[in-house]
Amino acid sequence: MTAAIRQYLAEHPDHFDPRQYLKPARENMKKMYIHKIVNVLGSDGKLAQC
């Protein structure tokens, strides 16, 4: 998340609104969570099997 915020602020130094720089950071976190659930933990779709 921090890396995405740093990158956004480096590319847009005049933007200080958190709504602008947190959006790409949240998207990166979402992608990371999906990757971990599906590929690392292998728990994709396990809830439906209970």
Protein backbone atom coordinates (compact mmCIF):
# COMPACT_ATOMS: atom_id res chain seq x y z
CA MET A 1 0.00 0.00 0.00
CA THR A 2 2.78 2.40 0.91
CA ALA A 3 4.55 1.73 -2.37
CA ALA A 4 1.40 2.57 -4.34
CA ILE A 5 0.94 5.81 -2.40
CA ARG A 6 4.58 6.79 -2.93
CA GLN A 7 4.35 6.07 -6.63
CA TYR A 8 1.13 8.08 -7.01
CA LEU A 9 2.53 11.06 -5.11
CA ALA A 10 5.74 10.95 -7.16
CA GLU A 11 3.70 11.03 -10.37
CA HIS A 12 1.22 13.64 -9.08
CA PRO A 13 3.03 15.89 -6.58
CA ASP A 14 0.20 18.45 -6.64
CA HIS A 15 -2.48 15.99 -5.41
CA PHE A 16 -2.91 15.91 -1.65
CA ASP A 17 -6.48 14.63 -1.43
CA PRO A 18 -6.49 11.17 0.23
CA ARG A 19 -9.39 10.12 -2.00
CA GLN A 20 -7.06 10.45 -4.98
CA TYR A 21 -3.99 8.63 -3.69
CA LEU A 22 -5.75 5.97 -1.63
CA LYS A 23 -7.77 4.61 -4.55
CA PRO A 24 -4.78 3.03 -6.37
CA ALA A 25 -3.40 1.86 -3.01
CA ARG A 26 -6.65 0.08 -2.18
CA GLU A 27 -6.72 -1.52 -5.63
CA ASN A 28 -3.20 -2.88 -5.11
CA MET A 29 -4.18 -4.29 -1.72
CA LYS A 30 -7.26 -5.93 -3.25
CA LYS A 31 -5.13 -7.59 -5.94
CA MET A 32 -2.67 -8.83 -3.31
CA TYR A 33 -5.46 -10.29 -1.14
CA ILE A 34 -7.01 -12.08 -4.10
CA HIS A 35 -3.61 -13.49 -5.10
CA LYS A 36 -2.96 -14.76 -1.58
CA ILE A 37 -6.41 -16.31 -1.17
CA VAL A 38 -6.31 -18.09 -4.52
CA ASN A 39 -2.63 -18.93 -5.06
CA VAL A 40 -0.91 -18.91 -1.68
CA LEU A 41 -3.52 -20.22 0.73
CA GLY A 42 -5.39 -22.33 -1.79
CA SER A 43 -8.68 -21.49 -0.12
CA ASP A 44 -10.57 -20.21 -3.15
CA GLY A 45 -14.02 -21.78 -3.19
CA LYS A 46 -13.56 -23.73 0.04
CA LEU A 47 -16.49 -22.05 1.79
CA ALA A 48 -18.94 -23.53 -0.72
CA GLN A 49 -17.71 -27.05 0.14
CA CYS A 50 -18.56 -26.83 3.85
